[in-house]
Amino acid sequence: MWQMTQRSFGGPDVFERVEVPRPGPGPGEVLVRVVATSVNAADWKLRGGLIRKLGEPPLVLGLDVSGVVVERGDDATRFAPGDTVFGMVFGGANAEYVVAHQDRLAAVPSSLDPVRAAALPVAGLTAWQSLASVRRGERVLVHAAAGGVGHLAVQLAARRGAEVAGTARAANHEYLRELGVGEPIDYRTTDFTTAVREVDLVLDLVGGDNTDRSLRVLSATGRVIAAEGPETHPDSRVSRFYVDPTTAALTELAAAVDRADLDLRVATILPLTELAAAHRLGESGGVRGKIVLTAA
């Protein structure tokens, strides 16, 4: 089998295609022939060494996966060979095959194309789970609102009856309005802390000083959910979010797409062998929706 490996931390050019033995699944695991994966912000941070949760190089990145089960390990009874599944792995999906735990996978519904399904796990679950507490009438601010997570988050907040503001470059403002954003903010020309007030929930998909600045716009009971940044924050109003990719959560998410409650946008589809180009595009900013990579 082949995989896209990096032997050092660095820019997009560190990736190379190499041949390696095909792995076998362990207990509770299945071997998946990868149909598609996608690019998340965590991928280029892992590539550059800003996040080191996968250890030191050599590394194979890729968190999202959709594909076909080809082999089961001991005690893996949820799926059978031939089943089309999607879900999360903690690295390794940028390859022809990947081993995944059955508890982090779900069946791809018949209405969802397997290539598009690869865009859903990380972005969809982050939006779905981080906004679980949103209630009708609340004011929500989503940073990076036009991106992979953001475009799903603003839809979810709007469908739950929230008033939604979102930061994005001006070229994406009409797009955000289509998704349910009532107050788009151009972060390049406007300080969002002067544009919104009395926000009940800020979903921070940017990190850095954006988290601290978001505290300035909160209502008396407001909170910030940070999908980027350190694990803890000195202000109790900030909660660090980590996605929980269970089969039940993935199934619920797929059902929302199936019902057309969520409009999953794919910005572009590239071959996995063009992983470097996909990273450059993602890091450039301004991408609407997700970048998907096909392995088949």
Protein backbone atom coordinates (compact mmCIF):
# COMPACT_ATOMS: atom_id res chain seq x y z
CA MET A 1 0.00 0.00 0.00
CA TRP A 2 1.03 3.64 -0.34
CA GLN A 3 0.79 6.54 2.07
CA MET A 4 1.71 10.21 2.18
CA THR A 5 4.49 10.49 4.73
CA GLN A 6 6.48 13.37 6.18
CA ARG A 7 9.96 12.66 7.55
CA SER A 8 10.34 16.07 9.20
CA PHE A 9 8.27 19.00 10.38
CA GLY A 10 7.99 21.82 7.87
CA GLY A 11 6.02 23.30 5.01
CA PRO A 12 3.75 21.50 2.53
CA ASP A 13 6.70 20.19 0.53
CA VAL A 14 7.62 17.70 3.29
CA PHE A 15 5.06 15.21 1.99
CA GLU A 16 6.18 12.23 -0.09
CA ARG A 17 4.41 9.13 -1.34
CA VAL A 18 5.98 5.94 -0.02
CA GLU A 19 5.19 2.22 -0.20
CA VAL A 20 4.72 0.39 3.11
CA PRO A 21 3.28 -2.97 4.24
CA ARG A 22 -0.49 -2.99 4.67
CA PRO A 23 -1.42 -2.94 8.39
CA GLY A 24 -3.78 -5.37 10.07
CA PRO A 25 -6.59 -4.37 12.44
CA GLY A 26 -6.30 -5.05 16.15
CA PRO A 27 -9.08 -5.83 18.63
CA GLY A 28 -12.13 -3.66 18.02
CA GLU A 29 -10.60 -2.25 14.85
CA VAL A 30 -11.29 -2.50 11.13
CA LEU A 31 -9.07 -1.97 8.13
CA VAL A 32 -10.58 0.60 5.76
CA ARG A 33 -9.70 1.13 2.11
CA VAL A 34 -9.70 4.90 1.95
CA VAL A 35 -12.03 6.50 -0.57
CA ALA A 36 -11.48 10.05 0.64
CA THR A 37 -10.17 12.19 3.47
CA SER A 38 -10.12 15.95 4.03
CA VAL A 39 -7.91 18.76 5.26
CA ASN A 40 -8.45 20.33 8.67
CA ALA A 41 -6.64 23.22 10.33
CA ALA A 42 -5.09 20.71 12.72
CA ASP A 43 -3.38 19.01 9.78
CA TRP A 44 -1.11 21.88 8.85
CA LYS A 45 -0.39 22.58 12.51
CA LEU A 46 0.61 18.93 12.95
CA ARG A 47 2.68 19.10 9.76
CA GLY A 48 4.59 22.14 10.99
CA GLY A 49 5.14 20.84 14.51
CA LEU A 50 2.89 23.42 16.18
CA ILE A 51 0.88 20.47 17.51
CA ARG A 52 2.80 17.32 18.40
CA LYS A 53 0.06 14.99 19.57
CA LEU A 54 1.01 12.42 16.92
CA GLY A 55 4.62 12.36 18.13
CA GLU A 56 7.73 12.97 16.10
CA PRO A 57 8.21 12.28 12.37
CA PRO A 58 7.88 10.17 10.36
CA LEU A 59 4.16 10.92 10.42
CA VAL A 60 1.11 10.20 8.31
CA LEU A 61 -1.56 12.85 8.78
CA GLY A 62 -5.29 12.69 8.10
CA LEU A 63 -8.08 12.76 10.69
CA ASP A 64 -11.19 12.36 8.54
CA VAL A 65 -11.86 9.19 6.59
CA SER A 66 -14.50 7.62 4.43
CA GLY A 67 -14.02 4.26 2.79
CA VAL A 68 -14.84 0.60 2.60
CA VAL A 69 -14.21 -1.96 5.34
CA VAL A 70 -11.95 -4.73 4.03
CA GLU A 71 -10.97 -6.60 7.21
CA ARG A 72 -12.10 -6.89 10.83
CA GLY A 73 -10.04 -7.44 13.95
CA ASP A 74 -11.06 -9.50 16.95
CA ASP A 75 -14.25 -8.28 18.65
CA ALA A 76 -15.00 -5.88 15.78
CA THR A 77 -18.62 -6.76 15.07
CA ARG A 78 -20.23 -3.42 14.20
CA PHE A 79 -19.26 -3.45 10.51
CA ALA A 80 -18.66 -6.15 7.91
CA PRO A 81 -16.28 -6.24 4.95
CA GLY A 82 -17.86 -4.27 2.12
CA ASP A 83 -19.58 -1.72 4.39
CA THR A 84 -19.04 1.93 3.47
CA VAL A 85 -18.14 3.93 6.57
CA PHE A 86 -16.94 7.37 7.63
CA GLY A 87 -15.46 8.74 10.80
CA MET A 88 -12.28 9.81 12.54
CA VAL A 89 -8.83 8.42 13.06
CA PHE A 90 -6.05 10.12 14.98
CA GLY A 91 -3.66 10.36 12.06
CA GLY A 92 -3.07 7.96 9.21
CA ALA A 93 -5.94 8.66 6.78
CA ASN A 94 -3.65 10.15 4.12
CA ALA A 95 -3.05 6.68 2.74
CA GLU A 96 -4.47 3.89 0.63
CA TYR A 97 -5.58 1.97 3.75
CA VAL A 98 -5.99 2.96 7.37
CA VAL A 99 -6.84 1.12 10.59
CA ALA A 100 -9.75 2.66 12.50
CA HIS A 101 -11.52 1.77 15.72
CA GLN A 102 -15.12 0.70 15.08
CA ASP A 103 -16.38 3.03 17.83
CA ARG A 104 -15.20 6.08 15.84
CA LEU A 105 -16.98 5.10 12.63
CA ALA A 106 -20.54 5.13 11.33
CA ALA A 107 -22.27 3.91 8.19
CA VAL A 108 -22.42 6.38 5.31
CA PRO A 109 -26.12 6.96 4.58
CA SER A 110 -27.24 6.15 1.05
CA SER A 111 -28.04 9.81 0.33
CA LEU A 112 -24.50 10.99 1.13
CA ASP A 113 -21.74 10.42 -1.40
CA PRO A 114 -18.69 8.75 0.24
CA VAL A 115 -16.39 11.48 -1.08
CA ARG A 116 -18.51 14.21 0.50
CA ALA A 117 -18.80 12.13 3.68
CA ALA A 118 -15.06 12.60 4.21
CA ALA A 119 -15.68 16.32 4.72
CA LEU A 120 -18.03 15.76 7.63
CA PRO A 121 -16.46 14.10 10.71
CA VAL A 122 -14.11 16.67 12.29
CA ALA A 123 -15.85 19.80 11.03
CA GLY A 124 -19.36 18.49 11.56
CA LEU A 125 -18.80 17.09 15.02
CA THR A 126 -16.94 20.22 16.15
CA ALA A 127 -19.86 22.40 15.08
CA TRP A 128 -22.53 19.99 16.38
CA GLN A 129 -21.01 19.30 19.77
CA SER A 130 -19.58 22.74 20.55
CA LEU A 131 -22.96 24.39 19.97
CA ALA A 132 -25.04 21.81 21.83
CA SER A 133 -25.95 24.34 24.53
CA VAL A 134 -27.25 27.05 22.16
CA ARG A 135 -30.83 28.08 22.83
CA ARG A 136 -33.41 30.05 20.86
CA GLY A 137 -32.95 33.81 21.17
CA GLU A 138 -29.30 33.67 22.18
CA ARG A 139 -26.66 35.72 20.39
CA VAL A 140 -23.86 33.65 18.87
CA LEU A 141 -20.59 34.82 17.31
CA VAL A 142 -18.64 32.38 15.13
CA HIS A 143 -15.07 33.21 14.16
CA ALA A 144 -13.83 31.96 10.76
CA ALA A 145 -17.47 31.52 9.88
CA ALA A 146 -17.02 30.62 6.20
CA GLY A 147 -14.54 27.79 6.77
CA GLY A 148 -14.98 24.06 7.19
CA VAL A 149 -16.28 24.16 10.75
CA GLY A 150 -17.65 27.68 10.62
CA HIS A 151 -20.05 27.20 7.72
CA LEU A 152 -21.70 24.30 9.56
CA ALA A 153 -21.67 26.06 12.93
CA VAL A 154 -23.54 29.11 11.68
CA GLN A 155 -26.21 26.91 10.12
CA LEU A 156 -26.69 24.97 13.34
CA ALA A 157 -26.89 28.11 15.46
CA ALA A 158 -29.41 29.71 13.10
CA ARG A 159 -31.56 26.57 12.96
CA ARG A 160 -31.67 26.53 16.73
CA GLY A 161 -33.14 30.02 16.72
CA ALA A 162 -30.01 31.99 17.64
CA GLU A 163 -29.06 35.41 16.28
CA VAL A 164 -25.79 34.74 14.48
CA ALA A 165 -22.81 36.98 13.78
CA GLY A 166 -19.72 35.69 11.99
CA THR A 167 -16.26 36.93 11.10
CA ALA A 168 -15.04 36.42 7.53
CA ARG A 169 -13.54 38.43 4.72
CA ALA A 170 -16.01 40.67 2.88
CA ALA A 171 -16.06 38.45 -0.22
CA ASN A 172 -17.76 35.77 1.88
CA HIS A 173 -20.44 37.92 3.48
CA GLU A 174 -23.21 37.14 1.01
CA TYR A 175 -22.36 33.47 1.35
CA LEU A 176 -22.69 33.75 5.14
CA ARG A 177 -26.06 35.45 4.83
CA GLU A 178 -27.25 32.50 2.75
CA LEU A 179 -26.23 30.21 5.60
CA GLY A 180 -28.08 32.20 8.27
CA VAL A 181 -25.63 34.85 9.47
CA GLY A 182 -27.48 38.06 10.22
CA GLU A 183 -24.38 40.10 11.02
CA PRO A 184 -21.23 39.34 8.98
CA ILE A 185 -18.06 41.13 10.14
CA ASP A 186 -15.00 41.71 7.96
CA TYR A 187 -12.17 40.84 10.34
CA ARG A 188 -9.62 42.54 8.08
CA THR A 189 -11.21 45.97 8.34
CA THR A 190 -13.34 45.83 11.50
CA ASP A 191 -12.44 45.06 15.10
CA PHE A 192 -15.18 42.62 16.06
CA THR A 193 -15.04 43.83 19.68
CA THR A 194 -16.52 47.13 18.48
CA ALA A 195 -19.11 45.50 16.19
CA VAL A 196 -20.97 43.15 18.56
CA ARG A 197 -22.03 43.21 22.19
CA GLU A 198 -23.99 41.04 24.63
CA VAL A 199 -22.97 37.79 22.96
CA ASP A 200 -24.11 34.66 24.76
CA LEU A 201 -21.73 32.25 23.04
CA VAL A 202 -18.56 32.80 21.02
CA LEU A 203 -17.23 29.84 19.03
CA ASP A 204 -13.56 30.64 18.53
CA LEU A 205 -12.08 28.66 15.64
CA VAL A 206 -9.02 30.94 15.37
CA GLY A 207 -7.23 30.91 18.73
CA GLY A 208 -4.39 33.16 19.82
CA ASP A 209 -5.42 36.53 21.21
CA ASN A 210 -8.79 36.07 19.53
CA THR A 211 -9.93 34.09 22.57
CA ASP A 212 -9.06 36.83 25.04
CA ARG A 213 -10.56 39.53 22.83
CA SER A 214 -13.77 37.51 22.57
CA LEU A 215 -14.27 37.88 26.32
CA ARG A 216 -14.90 41.59 25.79
CA VAL A 217 -18.11 41.03 23.83
CA LEU A 218 -19.81 38.58 26.21
CA SER A 219 -23.09 39.10 27.99
CA ALA A 220 -23.23 38.75 31.77
CA THR A 221 -23.72 34.99 31.38
CA GLY A 222 -21.82 34.58 28.12
CA ARG A 223 -19.18 31.96 27.40
CA VAL A 224 -16.40 31.31 24.91
CA ILE A 225 -15.89 27.85 23.43
CA ALA A 226 -12.36 27.64 22.04
CA ALA A 227 -11.55 24.98 19.46
CA GLU A 228 -7.95 26.24 19.29
CA GLY A 229 -5.37 27.13 21.90
CA PRO A 230 -4.11 25.78 25.24
CA GLU A 231 -5.99 23.14 27.19
CA THR A 232 -6.86 25.50 30.02
CA HIS A 233 -7.59 29.22 30.29
CA PRO A 234 -7.38 31.41 33.40
CA ASP A 235 -10.86 32.83 32.75
CA SER A 236 -13.60 30.38 33.72
CA ARG A 237 -15.83 31.69 30.93
CA VAL A 238 -13.54 30.00 28.40
CA SER A 239 -13.97 26.27 27.73
CA ARG A 240 -11.53 24.36 25.56
CA PHE A 241 -13.42 22.09 23.16
CA TYR A 242 -12.34 18.62 22.03
CA VAL A 243 -14.37 16.61 19.57
CA ASP A 244 -15.85 13.27 20.70
CA PRO A 245 -16.15 11.03 17.61
CA THR A 246 -18.52 8.31 18.74
CA THR A 247 -20.59 6.15 16.40
CA ALA A 248 -23.78 7.62 17.87
CA ALA A 249 -22.61 11.20 17.30
CA LEU A 250 -21.50 10.48 13.73
CA THR A 251 -24.80 8.76 12.98
CA GLU A 252 -26.78 11.70 14.34
CA LEU A 253 -24.67 14.11 12.31
CA ALA A 254 -25.13 12.10 9.10
CA ALA A 255 -28.87 12.05 9.72
CA ALA A 256 -28.91 15.86 9.92
CA VAL A 257 -27.23 16.05 6.51
CA ASP A 258 -29.57 13.35 5.25
CA ARG A 259 -32.58 15.45 6.29
CA ALA A 260 -31.03 18.55 4.66
CA ASP A 261 -30.83 20.22 8.08
CA LEU A 262 -27.17 20.91 7.25
CA ASP A 263 -25.79 22.02 3.91
CA LEU A 264 -22.30 20.51 3.71
CA ARG A 265 -20.17 22.62 1.36
CA VAL A 266 -17.12 21.14 -0.37
CA ALA A 267 -14.80 23.84 -1.68
CA THR A 268 -12.67 21.61 -3.89
CA ILE A 269 -11.76 17.97 -4.47
CA LEU A 270 -8.16 17.00 -5.18
CA PRO A 271 -6.28 13.70 -5.46
CA LEU A 272 -4.56 12.74 -2.21
CA THR A 273 -1.25 12.80 -4.07
CA GLU A 274 -1.74 16.58 -4.28
CA LEU A 275 -1.70 16.88 -0.51
CA ALA A 276 0.87 19.70 -0.56
CA ALA A 277 -1.37 21.81 -2.82
CA ALA A 278 -4.35 21.13 -0.55
CA HIS A 279 -2.39 22.34 2.48
CA ARG A 280 -1.30 25.50 0.69
CA LEU A 281 -4.90 26.22 -0.28
CA GLY A 282 -6.18 25.62 3.23
CA GLU A 283 -3.54 27.80 4.86
CA SER A 284 -4.16 30.64 2.40
CA GLY A 285 -7.51 31.41 4.05
CA GLY A 286 -10.77 32.32 2.42
CA VAL A 287 -11.80 28.75 1.56
CA ARG A 288 -15.56 28.23 1.67
CA GLY A 289 -16.30 24.86 3.22
CA LYS A 290 -14.01 21.85 3.11
CA ILE A 291 -11.10 20.63 0.99
CA VAL A 292 -11.57 16.93 0.19
CA LEU A 293 -8.86 14.53 -1.01
CA THR A 294 -9.64 11.33 -2.89
CA ALA A 295 -7.49 8.24 -2.55
CA ALA A 296 -9.29 6.00 -5.04
